[in-house]
C-alpha atoms as a PDB file:
ATOM      1  CA  UNK A   1      19.145 158.534  79.183  1.00  0.00           C
ATOM      2  CA  UNK A   2      22.911 159.539  79.451  1.00  0.00           C
ATOM      3  CA  UNK A   3      23.557 157.171  82.413  1.00  0.00           C
ATOM      4  CA  UNK A   4      21.956 154.422  80.198  1.00  0.00           C
ATOM      5  CA  UNK A   5      24.780 155.287  76.997  1.00  0.00           C
ATOM      6  CA  UNK A   6      27.478 155.441  79.753  1.00  0.00           C
ATOM      7  CA  UNK A   7      26.339 152.287  81.093  1.00  0.00           C
ATOM      8  CA  UNK A   8      26.557 150.811  77.225  1.00  0.00           C
ATOM      9  CA  UNK A   9      29.780 152.002  76.716  1.00  0.00           C
ATOM     10  CA  UNK A  10      31.347 150.807  79.622  1.00  0.00           C
ATOM     11  CA  UNK A  11      30.132 147.605  79.471  1.00  0.00           C
ATOM     12  CA  UNK A  12      31.599 147.589  75.550  1.00  0.00           C
ATOM     13  CA  UNK A  13      34.832 148.712  76.751  1.00  0.00           C
ATOM     14  CA  UNK A  14      34.978 146.047  79.731  1.00  0.00           C
ATOM     15  CA  UNK A  15      33.901 143.469  76.821  1.00  0.00           C
ATOM     16  CA  UNK A  16      36.955 144.639  74.321  1.00  0.00           C
ATOM     17  CA  UNK A  17      39.013 144.406  77.304  1.00  0.00           C
ATOM     18  CA  UNK A  18      37.963 140.880  78.465  1.00  0.00           C
ATOM     19  CA  UNK A  19      38.373 139.867  74.620  1.00  0.00           C
ATOM     20  CA  UNK A  20      41.879 141.131  74.683  1.00  0.00           C
ATOM     21  CA  UNK A  21      42.522 139.217  78.136  1.00  0.00           C
ATOM     22  CA  UNK A  22      41.207 135.754  76.289  1.00  0.00           C
ATOM     23  CA  UNK A  23      43.310 136.602  73.490  1.00  0.00           C
ATOM     24  CA  UNK A  24      46.724 137.020  75.666  1.00  0.00           C
ATOM     25  CA  UNK A  25      45.355 133.808  77.480  1.00  0.00           C
ATOM     26  CA  UNK A  26      45.880 132.016  74.221  1.00  0.00           C
ATOM     27  CA  UNK A  27      49.288 133.624  73.416  1.00  0.00           C
ATOM     28  CA  UNK A  28      50.389 132.186  77.401  1.00  0.00           C
ATOM     29  CA  UNK A  29      48.868 128.965  76.311  1.00  0.00           C
ATOM     30  CA  UNK A  30      50.904 128.691  73.280  1.00  0.00           C
ATOM     31  CA  UNK A  31      53.968 129.780  74.744  1.00  0.00           C
ATOM     32  CA  UNK A  32      53.486 127.152  77.303  1.00  0.00           C
ATOM     33  CA  UNK A  33      52.893 124.432  74.891  1.00  0.00           C
ATOM     34  CA  UNK A  34      56.047 125.560  72.947  1.00  0.00           C
ATOM     35  CA  UNK A  35      58.064 125.101  76.266  1.00  0.00           C
ATOM     36  CA  UNK A  36      56.418 122.226  77.375  1.00  0.00           C
ATOM     37  CA  UNK A  37      55.092 123.286  80.637  1.00  0.00           C
ATOM     38  CA  UNK A  38      52.149 121.098  81.714  1.00  0.00           C
ATOM     39  CA  UNK A  39      48.710 122.489  80.491  1.00  0.00           C
ATOM     40  CA  UNK A  40      46.536 121.999  83.791  1.00  0.00           C
ATOM     41  CA  UNK A  41      48.541 125.181  85.185  1.00  0.00           C
ATOM     42  CA  UNK A  42      46.804 127.150  81.806  1.00  0.00           C
ATOM     43  CA  UNK A  43      43.582 126.079  82.742  1.00  0.00           C
ATOM     44  CA  UNK A  44      43.768 126.761  86.357  1.00  0.00           C
ATOM     45  CA  UNK A  45      44.308 130.481  85.324  1.00  0.00           C
ATOM     46  CA  UNK A  46      41.235 130.600  83.033  1.00  0.00           C
ATOM     47  CA  UNK A  47      39.265 129.069  86.012  1.00  0.00           C
ATOM     48  CA  UNK A  48      40.184 131.705  88.427  1.00  0.00           C
ATOM     49  CA  UNK A  49      40.044 134.366  85.816  1.00  0.00           C
ATOM     50  CA  UNK A  50      36.371 132.891  84.612  1.00  0.00           C
ATOM     51  CA  UNK A  51      35.433 133.012  88.040  1.00  0.00           C
ATOM     52  CA  UNK A  52      36.097 136.754  88.981  1.00  0.00           C
ATOM     53  CA  UNK A  53      33.957 137.605  85.803  1.00  0.00           C
ATOM     54  CA  UNK A  54      30.512 137.394  87.322  1.00  0.00           C
ATOM     55  CA  UNK A  55      31.496 139.066  90.924  1.00  0.00           C
ATOM     56  CA  UNK A  56      32.948 142.191  88.521  1.00  0.00           C
ATOM     57  CA  UNK A  57      29.813 141.902  86.315  1.00  0.00           C
ATOM     58  CA  UNK A  58      27.657 141.728  89.838  1.00  0.00           C
ATOM     59  CA  UNK A  59      29.785 144.901  91.416  1.00  0.00           C
ATOM     60  CA  UNK A  60      28.991 146.535  88.175  1.00  0.00           C
ATOM     61  CA  UNK A  61      25.501 146.161  87.851  1.00  0.00           C
ATOM     62  CA  UNK A  62      25.394 147.009  91.468  1.00  0.00           C
ATOM     63  CA  UNK A  63      27.125 150.158  90.604  1.00  0.00           C
ATOM     64  CA  UNK A  64      24.852 150.924  87.846  1.00  0.00           C
ATOM     65  CA  UNK A  65      22.140 150.943  89.980  1.00  0.00           C
ATOM     66  CA  UNK A  66      23.632 152.848  92.724  1.00  0.00           C
ATOM     67  CA  UNK A  67      24.101 155.462  90.126  1.00  0.00           C
ATOM     68  CA  UNK A  68      20.471 155.682  88.967  1.00  0.00           C
END
């Protein structure tokens, strides 16, 4: 049960971190729009971060299984 609660806390913390990351991305996008920078680079950045998420999630789940 202790391992499970640790995993839940870790998952919640990573979700909070992800939410903060997304929030800062929108701030970056607003700054880019104000500077008249092409929107393409922002969405490229978002796509690269989104592509990292499943890998990170897989590593987290794999680590949880190993700790069990």
